Amino acid sequence: MLRRTLIGLLLWCFAWVALAASAVYEEGTHYFELDTPIRPADPTKVEVTEYFSYLCGGCFAFHPYVSSWARTLDPERVVYNRTPAIFDKNLEVYAQTYYTADALGVLDRSHPAIFEAIHNERKALHQDLQDMAELFAELGVDPVQFAKSYKSFGVSADVQRAVARGRAYRARYTPTLIVNGKYRVEVGSAGSQLNMLRVAEFLIDKELAAREADKPAD
């Protein structure tokens, strides 16, 4: 069943990406240019950042689609990453947990597990870190190691960088996509979550084409 679902998602991605190739989207209508561009972590590639929140039902719905779509991107030219939104103290707990998972090397498993616990099991994980530690224990992480990493300087620094990026994004809603530190794509402007990915694909192609045009002639 899971295999059929994943295959279906991948076929869906390939189908609408082909449609997106012929579409033209306009700045100020379908996407917005950031007032202050953000330098990508790897300037040799086009960077796509998913700005998300674990408490956001829309982000939970978006997760399987954006994850499948991200796997279709050319890793030689495009890099996909995430930044957790920190609009309040509850979301700060989840952001700190996100970077803790990254530091512990279990992010690929913890990311969907946290979404599932919140939205399907109705758990308020931010209210008691013991509950969060138990979730990580199910992923094989020792509770003591979880607590140590959660309170570490490195994780705190990651959270502060996420706060700074969030301010630069000027995004009021999640999910939002940021393309190459220049463009913001939102559900409202794109028209739907699926159209967000179409617009992002358009902007990726735009950035790649600009790079090709800037290359010196042989």
N, C-alpha and C. Protein backbone atom coordinates (compact mmCIF):
# COMPACT_ATOMS: atom_id res chain seq x y z
N MET A 1 0.83 -1.20 0.00
CA MET A 1 0.00 0.00 0.00
C MET A 1 0.86 1.25 0.00
N LEU A 2 1.89 1.25 0.90
CA LEU A 2 2.78 2.40 0.98
C LEU A 2 3.53 2.59 -0.33
N ARG A 3 3.96 1.48 -0.92
CA ARG A 3 4.70 1.57 -2.17
C ARG A 3 3.83 2.16 -3.27
N ARG A 4 2.55 1.72 -3.35
CA ARG A 4 1.65 2.26 -4.37
C ARG A 4 1.42 3.75 -4.15
N THR A 5 1.31 4.15 -2.88
CA THR A 5 1.10 5.56 -2.58
C THR A 5 2.29 6.40 -3.02
N LEU A 6 3.51 5.91 -2.72
CA LEU A 6 4.72 6.65 -3.10
C LEU A 6 4.86 6.73 -4.61
N ILE A 7 4.56 5.63 -5.30
CA ILE A 7 4.63 5.63 -6.76
C ILE A 7 3.63 6.62 -7.33
N GLY A 8 2.42 6.64 -6.74
CA GLY A 8 1.40 7.58 -7.20
C GLY A 8 1.84 9.02 -7.02
N LEU A 9 2.46 9.32 -5.90
CA LEU A 9 2.94 10.69 -5.64
C LEU A 9 4.02 11.09 -6.64
N LEU A 10 4.93 10.16 -6.93
CA LEU A 10 6.00 10.46 -7.88
C LEU A 10 5.46 10.68 -9.29
N LEU A 11 4.51 9.85 -9.71
CA LEU A 11 3.90 10.03 -11.04
C LEU A 11 3.18 11.36 -11.12
N TRP A 12 2.50 11.71 -10.03
CA TRP A 12 1.81 13.00 -9.97
C TRP A 12 2.79 14.14 -10.13
N CYS A 13 3.94 14.05 -9.44
CA CYS A 13 4.95 15.11 -9.52
C CYS A 13 5.46 15.29 -10.94
N PHE A 14 5.79 14.16 -11.60
CA PHE A 14 6.31 14.25 -12.95
C PHE A 14 5.27 14.86 -13.90
N ALA A 15 4.02 14.52 -13.71
CA ALA A 15 2.96 15.01 -14.60
C ALA A 15 2.80 16.51 -14.50
N TRP A 16 2.67 17.03 -13.28
CA TRP A 16 2.42 18.47 -13.19
C TRP A 16 3.66 19.30 -13.39
N VAL A 17 4.87 18.73 -13.17
CA VAL A 17 6.09 19.47 -13.47
C VAL A 17 6.19 19.72 -14.97
N ALA A 18 5.75 18.73 -15.75
CA ALA A 18 5.74 18.91 -17.21
C ALA A 18 4.81 20.04 -17.60
N LEU A 19 3.67 20.12 -16.93
CA LEU A 19 2.73 21.22 -17.21
C LEU A 19 3.32 22.56 -16.79
N ALA A 20 4.04 22.57 -15.68
CA ALA A 20 4.60 23.82 -15.17
C ALA A 20 5.65 24.41 -16.09
N ALA A 21 6.30 23.56 -16.88
CA ALA A 21 7.37 24.03 -17.75
C ALA A 21 6.88 25.07 -18.74
N SER A 22 5.60 25.00 -19.13
CA SER A 22 5.07 25.93 -20.13
C SER A 22 4.34 27.11 -19.49
N ALA A 23 4.22 27.14 -18.17
CA ALA A 23 3.48 28.20 -17.49
C ALA A 23 4.39 29.40 -17.23
N VAL A 24 3.77 30.57 -17.19
CA VAL A 24 4.49 31.80 -16.87
C VAL A 24 3.83 32.43 -15.65
N TYR A 25 4.64 32.70 -14.63
CA TYR A 25 4.13 33.28 -13.41
C TYR A 25 4.73 34.67 -13.22
N GLU A 26 3.97 35.55 -12.58
CA GLU A 26 4.38 36.94 -12.46
C GLU A 26 4.74 37.32 -11.03
N GLU A 27 5.82 38.11 -10.90
CA GLU A 27 6.22 38.63 -9.61
C GLU A 27 5.17 39.63 -9.13
N GLY A 28 4.82 39.54 -7.85
CA GLY A 28 3.80 40.41 -7.30
C GLY A 28 2.40 39.83 -7.39
N THR A 29 2.26 38.78 -8.19
CA THR A 29 0.97 38.10 -8.33
C THR A 29 1.05 36.67 -7.81
N HIS A 30 1.98 35.90 -8.38
CA HIS A 30 2.12 34.49 -8.00
C HIS A 30 3.25 34.26 -7.00
N TYR A 31 4.19 35.20 -6.93
CA TYR A 31 5.30 35.10 -5.98
C TYR A 31 5.79 36.52 -5.69
N PHE A 32 6.64 36.65 -4.66
CA PHE A 32 7.12 37.96 -4.24
C PHE A 32 8.63 37.95 -4.08
N GLU A 33 9.26 39.02 -4.48
CA GLU A 33 10.70 39.14 -4.32
C GLU A 33 11.00 39.67 -2.92
N LEU A 34 11.95 39.07 -2.24
CA LEU A 34 12.30 39.50 -0.90
C LEU A 34 12.97 40.87 -0.93
N ASP A 35 12.68 41.69 0.06
CA ASP A 35 13.29 43.02 0.15
C ASP A 35 14.80 42.91 0.28
N THR A 36 15.24 41.96 1.08
CA THR A 36 16.67 41.73 1.28
C THR A 36 17.00 40.28 0.96
N PRO A 37 17.68 40.02 -0.15
CA PRO A 37 18.02 38.64 -0.49
C PRO A 37 18.88 37.97 0.57
N ILE A 38 18.74 36.66 0.70
CA ILE A 38 19.50 35.87 1.66
C ILE A 38 20.50 35.01 0.88
N ARG A 39 21.75 35.07 1.25
CA ARG A 39 22.77 34.28 0.55
C ARG A 39 22.56 32.80 0.84
N PRO A 40 22.41 31.97 -0.20
CA PRO A 40 22.24 30.52 0.02
C PRO A 40 23.47 29.92 0.69
N ALA A 41 23.26 28.82 1.40
CA ALA A 41 24.37 28.14 2.06
C ALA A 41 25.40 27.66 1.05
N ASP A 42 24.92 27.21 -0.12
CA ASP A 42 25.79 26.78 -1.21
C ASP A 42 25.47 27.62 -2.44
N PRO A 43 26.22 28.69 -2.69
CA PRO A 43 25.90 29.58 -3.80
C PRO A 43 26.08 28.96 -5.18
N THR A 44 26.65 27.75 -5.25
CA THR A 44 26.81 27.10 -6.55
C THR A 44 25.53 26.41 -6.99
N LYS A 45 24.54 26.33 -6.08
CA LYS A 45 23.28 25.66 -6.41
C LYS A 45 22.10 26.57 -6.12
N VAL A 46 20.98 26.30 -6.77
CA VAL A 46 19.74 27.00 -6.47
C VAL A 46 19.13 26.35 -5.23
N GLU A 47 18.83 27.16 -4.24
CA GLU A 47 18.35 26.66 -2.96
C GLU A 47 16.84 26.86 -2.83
N VAL A 48 16.15 25.81 -2.43
CA VAL A 48 14.71 25.88 -2.16
C VAL A 48 14.50 25.55 -0.69
N THR A 49 13.88 26.49 0.04
CA THR A 49 13.66 26.30 1.47
C THR A 49 12.17 26.21 1.77
N GLU A 50 11.78 25.17 2.46
CA GLU A 50 10.40 25.04 2.93
C GLU A 50 10.32 25.66 4.33
N TYR A 51 9.51 26.70 4.45
CA TYR A 51 9.29 27.37 5.74
C TYR A 51 8.02 26.76 6.31
N PHE A 52 8.14 26.05 7.42
CA PHE A 52 7.04 25.21 7.88
C PHE A 52 6.84 25.32 9.38
N SER A 53 5.75 24.77 9.86
CA SER A 53 5.47 24.66 11.29
C SER A 53 4.85 23.30 11.56
N TYR A 54 5.30 22.63 12.61
CA TYR A 54 4.71 21.34 12.96
C TYR A 54 3.25 21.48 13.39
N LEU A 55 2.87 22.62 13.94
CA LEU A 55 1.49 22.80 14.40
C LEU A 55 0.54 23.17 13.26
N CYS A 56 1.07 23.42 12.10
CA CYS A 56 0.28 23.86 10.94
C CYS A 56 -0.33 22.66 10.21
N GLY A 57 -1.66 22.61 10.18
CA GLY A 57 -2.33 21.52 9.46
C GLY A 57 -2.02 21.53 7.98
N GLY A 58 -1.88 22.73 7.41
CA GLY A 58 -1.52 22.83 6.00
C GLY A 58 -0.14 22.26 5.72
N CYS A 59 0.79 22.46 6.65
CA CYS A 59 2.14 21.91 6.49
C CYS A 59 2.11 20.39 6.55
N PHE A 60 1.26 19.85 7.43
CA PHE A 60 1.10 18.41 7.53
C PHE A 60 0.57 17.84 6.21
N ALA A 61 -0.40 18.52 5.62
CA ALA A 61 -0.95 18.07 4.33
C ALA A 61 0.06 18.23 3.21
N PHE A 62 0.88 19.27 3.29
CA PHE A 62 1.86 19.59 2.25
C PHE A 62 3.05 18.63 2.27
N HIS A 63 3.34 18.08 3.45
CA HIS A 63 4.56 17.29 3.65
C HIS A 63 4.76 16.18 2.62
N PRO A 64 3.79 15.29 2.36
CA PRO A 64 4.07 14.21 1.41
C PRO A 64 4.31 14.71 -0.01
N TYR A 65 3.64 15.81 -0.39
CA TYR A 65 3.80 16.33 -1.74
C TYR A 65 5.14 17.02 -1.93
N VAL A 66 5.51 17.89 -0.98
CA VAL A 66 6.78 18.60 -1.14
C VAL A 66 7.94 17.63 -0.98
N SER A 67 7.79 16.60 -0.16
CA SER A 67 8.87 15.62 0.01
C SER A 67 9.07 14.83 -1.28
N SER A 68 7.98 14.42 -1.91
CA SER A 68 8.09 13.69 -3.19
C SER A 68 8.67 14.58 -4.28
N TRP A 69 8.20 15.81 -4.31
CA TRP A 69 8.70 16.78 -5.29
C TRP A 69 10.20 17.03 -5.11
N ALA A 70 10.63 17.17 -3.87
CA ALA A 70 12.04 17.45 -3.60
C ALA A 70 12.94 16.33 -4.13
N ARG A 71 12.42 15.11 -4.13
CA ARG A 71 13.22 13.98 -4.63
C ARG A 71 13.38 14.02 -6.14
N THR A 72 12.59 14.81 -6.83
CA THR A 72 12.71 14.92 -8.29
C THR A 72 13.70 16.00 -8.71
N LEU A 73 14.17 16.81 -7.77
CA LEU A 73 15.10 17.89 -8.09
C LEU A 73 16.50 17.34 -8.38
N ASP A 74 17.19 17.99 -9.29
CA ASP A 74 18.55 17.59 -9.66
C ASP A 74 19.52 18.00 -8.55
N PRO A 75 20.06 17.05 -7.80
CA PRO A 75 20.93 17.41 -6.67
C PRO A 75 22.23 18.09 -7.09
N GLU A 76 22.58 17.99 -8.35
CA GLU A 76 23.79 18.65 -8.83
C GLU A 76 23.59 20.15 -9.01
N ARG A 77 22.32 20.55 -9.15
CA ARG A 77 22.04 21.97 -9.42
C ARG A 77 21.10 22.62 -8.41
N VAL A 78 20.34 21.81 -7.67
CA VAL A 78 19.32 22.35 -6.76
C VAL A 78 19.43 21.66 -5.41
N VAL A 79 19.34 22.43 -4.33
CA VAL A 79 19.35 21.87 -2.98
C VAL A 79 18.06 22.28 -2.27
N TYR A 80 17.47 21.32 -1.57
CA TYR A 80 16.22 21.55 -0.83
C TYR A 80 16.51 21.44 0.66
N ASN A 81 15.99 22.39 1.43
CA ASN A 81 16.13 22.32 2.88
C ASN A 81 14.89 22.92 3.55
N ARG A 82 14.90 22.96 4.86
CA ARG A 82 13.75 23.49 5.60
C ARG A 82 14.20 24.50 6.64
N THR A 83 13.31 25.42 6.97
CA THR A 83 13.49 26.31 8.10
C THR A 83 12.19 26.29 8.91
N PRO A 84 12.24 25.92 10.19
CA PRO A 84 11.02 25.93 11.00
C PRO A 84 10.62 27.36 11.36
N ALA A 85 9.33 27.65 11.25
CA ALA A 85 8.82 28.96 11.63
C ALA A 85 8.77 29.07 13.15
N ILE A 86 9.09 30.25 13.66
CA ILE A 86 9.09 30.47 15.11
C ILE A 86 8.27 31.73 15.38
N PHE A 87 6.96 31.58 15.38
CA PHE A 87 6.06 32.71 15.61
C PHE A 87 5.76 32.92 17.10
N ASP A 88 6.01 31.87 17.91
CA ASP A 88 5.73 31.97 19.35
C ASP A 88 6.58 30.95 20.11
N LYS A 89 6.41 30.92 21.43
CA LYS A 89 7.22 30.04 22.27
C LYS A 89 6.98 28.56 21.99
N ASN A 90 5.73 28.20 21.67
CA ASN A 90 5.43 26.80 21.36
C ASN A 90 6.21 26.35 20.13
N LEU A 91 6.24 27.20 19.11
CA LEU A 91 6.95 26.85 17.89
C LEU A 91 8.46 26.86 18.10
N GLU A 92 8.91 27.63 19.08
CA GLU A 92 10.34 27.61 19.40
C GLU A 92 10.75 26.23 19.92
N VAL A 93 9.87 25.61 20.71
CA VAL A 93 10.14 24.25 21.20
C VAL A 93 10.28 23.29 20.03
N TYR A 94 9.39 23.40 19.05
CA TYR A 94 9.44 22.49 17.90
C TYR A 94 10.65 22.78 17.02
N ALA A 95 11.02 24.05 16.90
CA ALA A 95 12.21 24.39 16.12
C ALA A 95 13.46 23.81 16.79
N GLN A 96 13.51 23.92 18.10
CA GLN A 96 14.66 23.38 18.84
C GLN A 96 14.70 21.85 18.70
N THR A 97 13.53 21.25 18.69
CA THR A 97 13.45 19.80 18.49
C THR A 97 13.90 19.42 17.09
N TYR A 98 13.50 20.21 16.11
CA TYR A 98 13.89 19.95 14.71
C TYR A 98 15.41 19.92 14.58
N TYR A 99 16.07 20.93 15.13
CA TYR A 99 17.53 20.98 15.02
C TYR A 99 18.22 19.96 15.91
N THR A 100 17.56 19.57 16.99
CA THR A 100 18.08 18.47 17.81
C THR A 100 18.09 17.18 16.99
N ALA A 101 17.01 16.92 16.29
CA ALA A 101 16.92 15.73 15.45
C ALA A 101 17.99 15.75 14.36
N ASP A 102 18.22 16.92 13.79
CA ASP A 102 19.25 17.05 12.77
C ASP A 102 20.62 16.73 13.36
N ALA A 103 20.90 17.27 14.54
CA ALA A 103 22.19 17.03 15.19
C ALA A 103 22.38 15.56 15.54
N LEU A 104 21.29 14.87 15.87
CA LEU A 104 21.37 13.46 16.27
C LEU A 104 21.29 12.51 15.08
N GLY A 105 21.07 13.04 13.89
CA GLY A 105 21.05 12.21 12.69
C GLY A 105 19.77 11.41 12.49
N VAL A 106 18.65 11.86 13.09
CA VAL A 106 17.39 11.11 12.96
C VAL A 106 16.29 11.96 12.31
N LEU A 107 16.67 13.06 11.68
CA LEU A 107 15.67 14.00 11.15
C LEU A 107 14.74 13.36 10.12
N ASP A 108 15.27 12.51 9.27
CA ASP A 108 14.43 11.89 8.23
C ASP A 108 13.29 11.08 8.85
N ARG A 109 13.54 10.51 10.03
CA ARG A 109 12.50 9.71 10.69
C ARG A 109 11.66 10.53 11.67
N SER A 110 12.29 11.47 12.34
CA SER A 110 11.55 12.26 13.33
C SER A 110 10.59 13.25 12.69
N HIS A 111 10.94 13.77 11.52
CA HIS A 111 10.11 14.80 10.88
C HIS A 111 8.69 14.31 10.62
N PRO A 112 8.50 13.20 9.90
CA PRO A 112 7.13 12.70 9.73
C PRO A 112 6.51 12.19 11.02
N ALA A 113 7.34 11.66 11.93
CA ALA A 113 6.81 11.12 13.19
C ALA A 113 6.20 12.22 14.05
N ILE A 114 6.82 13.39 14.08
CA ILE A 114 6.29 14.51 14.86
C ILE A 114 4.98 15.00 14.25
N PHE A 115 4.94 15.12 12.95
CA PHE A 115 3.69 15.50 12.27
C PHE A 115 2.57 14.53 12.63
N GLU A 116 2.87 13.23 12.55
CA GLU A 116 1.87 12.21 12.84
C GLU A 116 1.39 12.29 14.28
N ALA A 117 2.32 12.47 15.21
CA ALA A 117 1.96 12.53 16.63
C ALA A 117 1.04 13.71 16.92
N ILE A 118 1.30 14.84 16.29
CA ILE A 118 0.50 16.04 16.55
C ILE A 118 -0.86 15.97 15.88
N HIS A 119 -0.88 15.62 14.61
CA HIS A 119 -2.12 15.76 13.83
C HIS A 119 -2.98 14.50 13.79
N ASN A 120 -2.38 13.34 13.93
CA ASN A 120 -3.17 12.11 13.92
C ASN A 120 -3.40 11.56 15.33
N GLU A 121 -2.39 11.70 16.19
CA GLU A 121 -2.53 11.19 17.56
C GLU A 121 -2.93 12.28 18.55
N ARG A 122 -3.01 13.53 18.07
CA ARG A 122 -3.47 14.67 18.88
C ARG A 122 -2.62 14.89 20.12
N LYS A 123 -1.32 14.75 19.99
CA LYS A 123 -0.41 14.96 21.12
C LYS A 123 0.14 16.39 21.10
N ALA A 124 0.12 17.05 22.25
CA ALA A 124 0.69 18.39 22.39
C ALA A 124 2.12 18.23 22.90
N LEU A 125 3.02 17.88 22.01
CA LEU A 125 4.38 17.53 22.41
C LEU A 125 5.13 18.70 23.02
N HIS A 126 4.74 19.91 22.69
CA HIS A 126 5.45 21.08 23.20
C HIS A 126 5.17 21.35 24.69
N GLN A 127 4.13 20.71 25.21
CA GLN A 127 3.76 20.97 26.60
C GLN A 127 4.62 20.21 27.61
N ASP A 128 5.23 19.13 27.16
CA ASP A 128 6.05 18.32 28.07
C ASP A 128 7.18 17.67 27.27
N LEU A 129 8.40 18.11 27.51
CA LEU A 129 9.54 17.57 26.78
C LEU A 129 9.74 16.08 27.02
N GLN A 130 9.18 15.57 28.10
CA GLN A 130 9.26 14.13 28.36
C GLN A 130 8.55 13.36 27.25
N ASP A 131 7.42 13.90 26.80
CA ASP A 131 6.69 13.26 25.69
C ASP A 131 7.54 13.28 24.42
N MET A 132 8.24 14.40 24.20
CA MET A 132 9.10 14.50 23.02
C MET A 132 10.25 13.50 23.12
N ALA A 133 10.82 13.40 24.33
CA ALA A 133 11.92 12.46 24.53
C ALA A 133 11.47 11.01 24.31
N GLU A 134 10.24 10.71 24.69
CA GLU A 134 9.71 9.36 24.49
C GLU A 134 9.54 9.07 23.00
N LEU A 135 9.10 10.08 22.25
CA LEU A 135 8.99 9.89 20.80
C LEU A 135 10.36 9.59 20.20
N PHE A 136 11.37 10.32 20.64
CA PHE A 136 12.72 10.09 20.12
C PHE A 136 13.26 8.74 20.59
N ALA A 137 12.86 8.31 21.78
CA ALA A 137 13.30 7.01 22.27
C ALA A 137 12.79 5.90 21.35
N GLU A 138 11.59 6.08 20.79
CA GLU A 138 11.04 5.11 19.84
C GLU A 138 11.86 5.06 18.55
N LEU A 139 12.64 6.14 18.31
CA LEU A 139 13.51 6.18 17.13
C LEU A 139 14.92 5.72 17.47
N GLY A 140 15.11 5.27 18.73
CA GLY A 140 16.40 4.75 19.13
C GLY A 140 17.33 5.76 19.78
N VAL A 141 16.80 6.94 20.14
CA VAL A 141 17.62 7.98 20.75
C VAL A 141 17.49 7.89 22.27
N ASP A 142 18.63 7.81 22.96
CA ASP A 142 18.64 7.77 24.42
C ASP A 142 18.10 9.10 24.96
N PRO A 143 17.17 9.07 25.93
CA PRO A 143 16.59 10.31 26.47
C PRO A 143 17.63 11.28 27.02
N VAL A 144 18.68 10.77 27.62
CA VAL A 144 19.73 11.64 28.14
C VAL A 144 20.44 12.35 27.00
N GLN A 145 20.71 11.62 25.93
CA GLN A 145 21.36 12.21 24.76
C GLN A 145 20.46 13.24 24.10
N PHE A 146 19.15 12.95 24.07
CA PHE A 146 18.20 13.90 23.51
C PHE A 146 18.24 15.21 24.29
N ALA A 147 18.17 15.11 25.62
CA ALA A 147 18.17 16.31 26.47
C ALA A 147 19.46 17.10 26.33
N LYS A 148 20.58 16.40 26.24
CA LYS A 148 21.88 17.06 26.10
C LYS A 148 21.96 17.83 24.79
N SER A 149 21.52 17.20 23.71
CA SER A 149 21.57 17.85 22.40
C SER A 149 20.57 19.01 22.32
N TYR A 150 19.39 18.81 22.91
CA TYR A 150 18.34 19.83 22.89
C TYR A 150 18.83 21.13 23.53
N LYS A 151 19.64 21.02 24.57
CA LYS A 151 20.13 22.19 25.31
C LYS A 151 21.50 22.67 24.84
N SER A 152 22.01 22.07 23.77
CA SER A 152 23.37 22.38 23.32
C SER A 152 23.46 23.76 22.67
N PHE A 153 24.67 24.29 22.66
CA PHE A 153 24.93 25.58 22.04
C PHE A 153 24.65 25.53 20.54
N GLY A 154 25.06 24.43 19.90
CA GLY A 154 24.87 24.31 18.46
C GLY A 154 23.41 24.38 18.05
N VAL A 155 22.55 23.69 18.79
CA VAL A 155 21.12 23.70 18.50
C VAL A 155 20.54 25.10 18.75
N SER A 156 20.95 25.73 19.84
CA SER A 156 20.47 27.08 20.14
C SER A 156 20.88 28.06 19.03
N ALA A 157 22.09 27.90 18.51
CA ALA A 157 22.56 28.77 17.43
C ALA A 157 21.73 28.54 16.16
N ASP A 158 21.39 27.28 15.88
CA ASP A 158 20.55 26.98 14.72
C ASP A 158 19.18 27.65 14.85
N VAL A 159 18.62 27.62 16.06
CA VAL A 159 17.32 28.24 16.29
C VAL A 159 17.40 29.75 16.06
N GLN A 160 18.44 30.38 16.53
CA GLN A 160 18.59 31.82 16.34
C GLN A 160 18.75 32.17 14.86
N ARG A 161 19.45 31.33 14.13
CA ARG A 161 19.58 31.57 12.68
C ARG A 161 18.22 31.42 12.00
N ALA A 162 17.42 30.47 12.47
CA ALA A 162 16.08 30.29 11.90
C ALA A 162 15.21 31.51 12.17
N VAL A 163 15.34 32.09 13.36
CA VAL A 163 14.60 33.31 13.69
C VAL A 163 14.98 34.43 12.73
N ALA A 164 16.28 34.59 12.48
CA ALA A 164 16.76 35.64 11.58
C ALA A 164 16.28 35.42 10.16
N ARG A 165 16.31 34.17 9.70
CA ARG A 165 15.83 33.89 8.35
C ARG A 165 14.33 34.16 8.25
N GLY A 166 13.60 33.78 9.29
CA GLY A 166 12.16 34.02 9.28
C GLY A 166 11.83 35.49 9.14
N ARG A 167 12.59 36.34 9.82
CA ARG A 167 12.37 37.79 9.69
C ARG A 167 12.62 38.25 8.27
N ALA A 168 13.68 37.72 7.66
CA ALA A 168 14.01 38.12 6.28
C ALA A 168 12.97 37.61 5.29
N TYR A 169 12.39 36.45 5.56
CA TYR A 169 11.38 35.91 4.65
C TYR A 169 10.13 36.79 4.63
N ARG A 170 9.83 37.44 5.75
CA ARG A 170 8.62 38.27 5.88
C ARG A 170 7.35 37.47 5.54
N ALA A 171 7.38 36.20 5.90
CA ALA A 171 6.24 35.31 5.64
C ALA A 171 5.32 35.30 6.86
N ARG A 172 4.04 35.46 6.62
CA ARG A 172 3.07 35.45 7.71
C ARG A 172 2.38 34.11 7.86
N TYR A 173 2.56 33.24 6.88
CA TYR A 173 1.86 31.96 6.88
C TYR A 173 2.82 30.83 6.57
N THR A 174 2.42 29.64 6.95
CA THR A 174 3.11 28.43 6.54
C THR A 174 2.08 27.49 5.93
N PRO A 175 2.48 26.64 4.98
CA PRO A 175 3.83 26.55 4.42
C PRO A 175 4.12 27.67 3.43
N THR A 176 5.38 28.02 3.34
CA THR A 176 5.88 28.99 2.37
C THR A 176 7.16 28.41 1.77
N LEU A 177 7.40 28.69 0.51
CA LEU A 177 8.65 28.27 -0.12
C LEU A 177 9.48 29.51 -0.44
N ILE A 178 10.77 29.43 -0.15
CA ILE A 178 11.72 30.48 -0.48
C ILE A 178 12.67 29.93 -1.53
N VAL A 179 12.74 30.58 -2.67
CA VAL A 179 13.58 30.08 -3.76
C VAL A 179 14.83 30.94 -3.90
N ASN A 180 15.96 30.29 -3.69
CA ASN A 180 17.28 30.89 -3.84
C ASN A 180 17.49 32.16 -3.02
N GLY A 181 16.82 32.26 -1.89
CA GLY A 181 16.97 33.41 -1.03
C GLY A 181 16.45 34.70 -1.64
N LYS A 182 15.67 34.59 -2.72
CA LYS A 182 15.20 35.78 -3.44
C LYS A 182 13.67 35.90 -3.50
N TYR A 183 13.00 34.76 -3.61
CA TYR A 183 11.57 34.77 -3.90
C TYR A 183 10.77 34.01 -2.84
N ARG A 184 9.60 34.54 -2.53
CA ARG A 184 8.68 33.91 -1.56
C ARG A 184 7.43 33.45 -2.29
N VAL A 185 7.09 32.19 -2.10
CA VAL A 185 5.90 31.59 -2.73
C VAL A 185 4.96 31.14 -1.63
N GLU A 186 3.74 31.67 -1.64
CA GLU A 186 2.75 31.36 -0.61
C GLU A 186 1.52 30.70 -1.23
N VAL A 187 0.74 30.05 -0.39
CA VAL A 187 -0.49 29.40 -0.87
C VAL A 187 -1.44 30.42 -1.48
N GLY A 188 -1.62 31.56 -0.80
CA GLY A 188 -2.58 32.55 -1.27
C GLY A 188 -2.24 33.11 -2.63
N SER A 189 -0.98 33.41 -2.87
CA SER A 189 -0.57 33.98 -4.15
C SER A 189 -0.50 32.93 -5.25
N ALA A 190 -0.05 31.73 -4.89
CA ALA A 190 0.07 30.66 -5.90
C ALA A 190 -1.28 30.08 -6.27
N GLY A 191 -2.23 30.10 -5.32
CA GLY A 191 -3.57 29.58 -5.61
C GLY A 191 -3.87 28.25 -4.94
N SER A 192 -2.84 27.47 -4.65
CA SER A 192 -3.00 26.19 -3.97
C SER A 192 -1.63 25.67 -3.58
N GLN A 193 -1.60 24.65 -2.75
CA GLN A 193 -0.32 24.07 -2.38
C GLN A 193 0.37 23.44 -3.59
N LEU A 194 -0.38 22.83 -4.46
CA LEU A 194 0.22 22.22 -5.64
C LEU A 194 0.79 23.29 -6.56
N ASN A 195 0.09 24.41 -6.67
CA ASN A 195 0.61 25.50 -7.49
C ASN A 195 1.86 26.12 -6.89
N MET A 196 2.00 26.05 -5.56
CA MET A 196 3.24 26.53 -4.95
C MET A 196 4.44 25.81 -5.55
N LEU A 197 4.31 24.52 -5.75
CA LEU A 197 5.40 23.74 -6.30
C LEU A 197 5.63 24.07 -7.77
N ARG A 198 4.55 24.35 -8.49
CA ARG A 198 4.68 24.76 -9.89
C ARG A 198 5.42 26.08 -10.00
N VAL A 199 5.04 27.03 -9.15
CA VAL A 199 5.70 28.34 -9.16
C VAL A 199 7.17 28.18 -8.77
N ALA A 200 7.44 27.36 -7.77
CA ALA A 200 8.83 27.11 -7.35
C ALA A 200 9.64 26.52 -8.51
N GLU A 201 9.04 25.60 -9.23
CA GLU A 201 9.72 24.99 -10.39
C GLU A 201 10.04 26.06 -11.44
N PHE A 202 9.10 26.95 -11.65
CA PHE A 202 9.30 28.06 -12.60
C PHE A 202 10.47 28.93 -12.16
N LEU A 203 10.54 29.25 -10.86
CA LEU A 203 11.60 30.11 -10.35
C LEU A 203 12.96 29.41 -10.36
N ILE A 204 12.96 28.11 -10.11
CA ILE A 204 14.21 27.35 -10.21
C ILE A 204 14.75 27.45 -11.63
N ASP A 205 13.88 27.22 -12.62
CA ASP A 205 14.30 27.31 -14.02
C ASP A 205 14.77 28.72 -14.36
N LYS A 206 14.11 29.72 -13.80
CA LYS A 206 14.50 31.12 -14.02
C LYS A 206 15.91 31.37 -13.50
N GLU A 207 16.20 30.89 -12.29
CA GLU A 207 17.51 31.09 -11.70
C GLU A 207 18.59 30.31 -12.46
N LEU A 208 18.27 29.09 -12.86
CA LEU A 208 19.25 28.29 -13.61
C LEU A 208 19.54 28.93 -14.97
N ALA A 209 18.51 29.45 -15.61
CA ALA A 209 18.69 30.10 -16.92
C ALA A 209 19.56 31.36 -16.77
N ALA A 210 19.35 32.11 -15.68
CA ALA A 210 20.14 33.31 -15.46
C ALA A 210 21.61 32.97 -15.27
N ARG A 211 21.88 31.86 -14.60
CA ARG A 211 23.27 31.44 -14.40
C ARG A 211 23.92 31.05 -15.71
N GLU A 212 23.16 30.37 -16.55
CA GLU A 212 23.70 29.98 -17.86
C GLU A 212 24.00 31.21 -18.69
N ALA A 213 23.13 32.21 -18.61
CA ALA A 213 23.32 33.43 -19.39
C ALA A 213 24.53 34.23 -18.92
N ASP A 214 24.85 34.10 -17.63
CA ASP A 214 25.99 34.84 -17.05
C ASP A 214 27.33 34.18 -17.31
N LYS A 215 27.31 32.95 -17.80
CA LYS A 215 28.57 32.25 -18.05
C LYS A 215 29.30 32.92 -19.22
N PRO A 216 30.62 33.10 -19.10
CA PRO A 216 31.37 33.70 -20.20
C PRO A 216 31.38 32.80 -21.43
N ALA A 217 31.31 33.41 -22.58
CA ALA A 217 31.33 32.65 -23.83
C ALA A 217 32.70 32.02 -24.05
N ASP A 218 32.70 30.83 -24.64
CA ASP A 218 33.97 30.15 -24.91
C ASP A 218 34.73 30.86 -26.02
